[in-house]
Amino acid sequence: MDRQKLRGLKRIIRSTRVTCSGVRWAVANEVAIREQLVGLAILVPVSMFLHVTSLEHLLLVLSLMLVSLVEFINTAVEITIDRIS
């Protein structure tokens, strides 16, 4: 299927499939990604029991998600550099 002809919902569905495929690959092949996601899965529910405001809870969760996002970016950069060299 030609990428330029995809529009609307079909493009979104294809993009979601490609993203999920990339996340599955990262979880299967990168230890650091697995560690971050396990930490996220444990710490987010635990953070609900902390006596903090909703804003503070949101900031805690977003900071944990940011760490995971940076780990995905770091993995992408490492793989790119490995392919080039």
C-alpha atoms as a PDB file:
ATOM      1  CA  MET A   1       0.000   0.000   0.000  1.00  0.00           C
ATOM      2  CA  ASP A   2       1.412   3.377  -0.981  1.00  0.00           C
ATOM      3  CA  ARG A   3       1.981   5.621   2.048  1.00  0.00           C
ATOM      4  CA  GLN A   4       0.986   8.792   0.202  1.00  0.00           C
ATOM      5  CA  LYS A   5      -2.477   7.412  -0.591  1.00  0.00           C
ATOM      6  CA  LEU A   6      -3.314   6.688   3.044  1.00  0.00           C
ATOM      7  CA  ARG A   7      -5.608   9.317   4.494  1.00  0.00           C
ATOM      8  CA  GLY A   8      -7.761   9.772   7.533  1.00  0.00           C
ATOM      9  CA  LEU A   9      -8.625   6.775   9.657  1.00  0.00           C
ATOM     10  CA  LYS A  10      -6.581   4.291   7.576  1.00  0.00           C
ATOM     11  CA  ARG A  11      -3.456   6.385   8.137  1.00  0.00           C
ATOM     12  CA  ILE A  12      -4.110   6.539  11.879  1.00  0.00           C
ATOM     13  CA  ILE A  13      -4.684   2.778  12.074  1.00  0.00           C
ATOM     14  CA  ARG A  14      -1.484   2.053  10.133  1.00  0.00           C
ATOM     15  CA  SER A  15       0.497   4.488  12.288  1.00  0.00           C
ATOM     16  CA  THR A  16      -0.846   2.827  15.437  1.00  0.00           C
ATOM     17  CA  ARG A  17       0.170  -0.624  14.146  1.00  0.00           C
ATOM     18  CA  VAL A  18       3.686   0.570  13.314  1.00  0.00           C
ATOM     19  CA  THR A  19       4.028   2.231  16.721  1.00  0.00           C
ATOM     20  CA  CYS A  20       2.848  -0.881  18.550  1.00  0.00           C
ATOM     21  CA  SER A  21       5.267  -2.968  16.523  1.00  0.00           C
ATOM     22  CA  GLY A  22       8.134  -0.694  17.546  1.00  0.00           C
ATOM     23  CA  VAL A  23       7.169  -0.803  21.212  1.00  0.00           C
ATOM     24  CA  ARG A  24       6.924  -4.619  21.097  1.00  0.00           C
ATOM     25  CA  TRP A  25      10.391  -4.791  19.508  1.00  0.00           C
ATOM     26  CA  ALA A  26      11.852  -2.466  22.143  1.00  0.00           C
ATOM     27  CA  VAL A  27      10.323  -4.428  25.023  1.00  0.00           C
ATOM     28  CA  ALA A  28      11.550  -7.723  23.561  1.00  0.00           C
ATOM     29  CA  ASN A  29      15.095  -6.548  22.798  1.00  0.00           C
ATOM     30  CA  GLU A  30      16.038  -3.780  25.234  1.00  0.00           C
ATOM     31  CA  VAL A  31      16.556  -4.492  28.930  1.00  0.00           C
ATOM     32  CA  ALA A  32      16.519  -0.804  29.903  1.00  0.00           C
ATOM     33  CA  ILE A  33      13.106  -0.321  28.285  1.00  0.00           C
ATOM     34  CA  ARG A  34      11.697  -3.302  30.185  1.00  0.00           C
ATOM     35  CA  GLU A  35      13.116  -1.962  33.445  1.00  0.00           C
ATOM     36  CA  GLN A  36      11.581   1.467  32.855  1.00  0.00           C
ATOM     37  CA  LEU A  37       8.166   0.041  31.985  1.00  0.00           C
ATOM     38  CA  VAL A  38       8.151  -2.293  34.988  1.00  0.00           C
ATOM     39  CA  GLY A  39       9.086   0.647  37.199  1.00  0.00           C
ATOM     40  CA  LEU A  40       6.324   2.715  35.631  1.00  0.00           C
ATOM     41  CA  ALA A  41       3.780  -0.091  36.108  1.00  0.00           C
ATOM     42  CA  ILE A  42       4.719  -0.415  39.783  1.00  0.00           C
ATOM     43  CA  LEU A  43       5.220   3.229  40.744  1.00  0.00           C
ATOM     44  CA  VAL A  44       2.120   4.738  39.138  1.00  0.00           C
ATOM     45  CA  PRO A  45      -0.346   2.663  41.215  1.00  0.00           C
ATOM     46  CA  VAL A  46       1.809   3.145  44.327  1.00  0.00           C
ATOM     47  CA  SER A  47       1.793   6.905  43.768  1.00  0.00           C
ATOM     48  CA  MET A  48      -1.994   6.923  44.123  1.00  0.00           C
ATOM     49  CA  PHE A  49      -1.580   6.171  47.826  1.00  0.00           C
ATOM     50  CA  LEU A  50       0.706   9.138  48.466  1.00  0.00           C
ATOM     51  CA  HIS A  51      -0.836  12.082  50.274  1.00  0.00           C
ATOM     52  CA  VAL A  52      -0.262  14.663  47.553  1.00  0.00           C
ATOM     53  CA  THR A  53      -2.497  16.978  45.569  1.00  0.00           C
ATOM     54  CA  SER A  54      -3.816  16.001  42.164  1.00  0.00           C
ATOM     55  CA  LEU A  55      -1.356  18.357  40.499  1.00  0.00           C
ATOM     56  CA  GLU A  56       1.571  16.822  42.366  1.00  0.00           C
ATOM     57  CA  HIS A  57       0.370  13.333  41.448  1.00  0.00           C
ATOM     58  CA  LEU A  58       0.106  14.361  37.809  1.00  0.00           C
ATOM     59  CA  LEU A  59       3.644  15.763  37.888  1.00  0.00           C
ATOM     60  CA  LEU A  60       4.949  12.545  39.451  1.00  0.00           C
ATOM     61  CA  VAL A  61       3.324  10.373  36.791  1.00  0.00           C
ATOM     62  CA  LEU A  62       4.395  12.654  33.945  1.00  0.00           C
ATOM     63  CA  SER A  63       7.987  12.669  35.170  1.00  0.00           C
ATOM     64  CA  LEU A  64       8.000   8.853  35.234  1.00  0.00           C
ATOM     65  CA  MET A  65       6.576   8.793  31.707  1.00  0.00           C
ATOM     66  CA  LEU A  66       9.192  11.314  30.580  1.00  0.00           C
ATOM     67  CA  VAL A  67      11.969   9.037  31.821  1.00  0.00           C
ATOM     68  CA  SER A  68      10.502   6.168  29.763  1.00  0.00           C
ATOM     69  CA  LEU A  69      10.185   8.403  26.704  1.00  0.00           C
ATOM     70  CA  VAL A  70      13.822   9.483  26.992  1.00  0.00           C
ATOM     71  CA  GLU A  71      14.834   5.818  27.263  1.00  0.00           C
ATOM     72  CA  PHE A  72      12.993   5.072  23.998  1.00  0.00           C
ATOM     73  CA  ILE A  73      14.754   8.009  22.314  1.00  0.00           C
ATOM     74  CA  ASN A  74      18.110   6.878  23.688  1.00  0.00           C
ATOM     75  CA  THR A  75      17.515   3.366  22.341  1.00  0.00           C
ATOM     76  CA  ALA A  76      16.615   4.757  18.914  1.00  0.00           C
ATOM     77  CA  VAL A  77      19.795   6.855  18.821  1.00  0.00           C
ATOM     78  CA  GLU A  78      21.947   3.901  19.911  1.00  0.00           C
ATOM     79  CA  ILE A  79      20.472   1.640  17.231  1.00  0.00           C
ATOM     80  CA  THR A  80      20.944   4.317  14.561  1.00  0.00           C
ATOM     81  CA  ILE A  81      24.577   4.845  15.543  1.00  0.00           C
ATOM     82  CA  ASP A  82      25.186   1.083  15.582  1.00  0.00           C
ATOM     83  CA  ARG A  83      23.788   0.766  12.041  1.00  0.00           C
ATOM     84  CA  ILE A  84      25.916   3.637  10.750  1.00  0.00           C
ATOM     85  CA  SER A  85      29.178   2.427  12.261  1.00  0.00           C
END
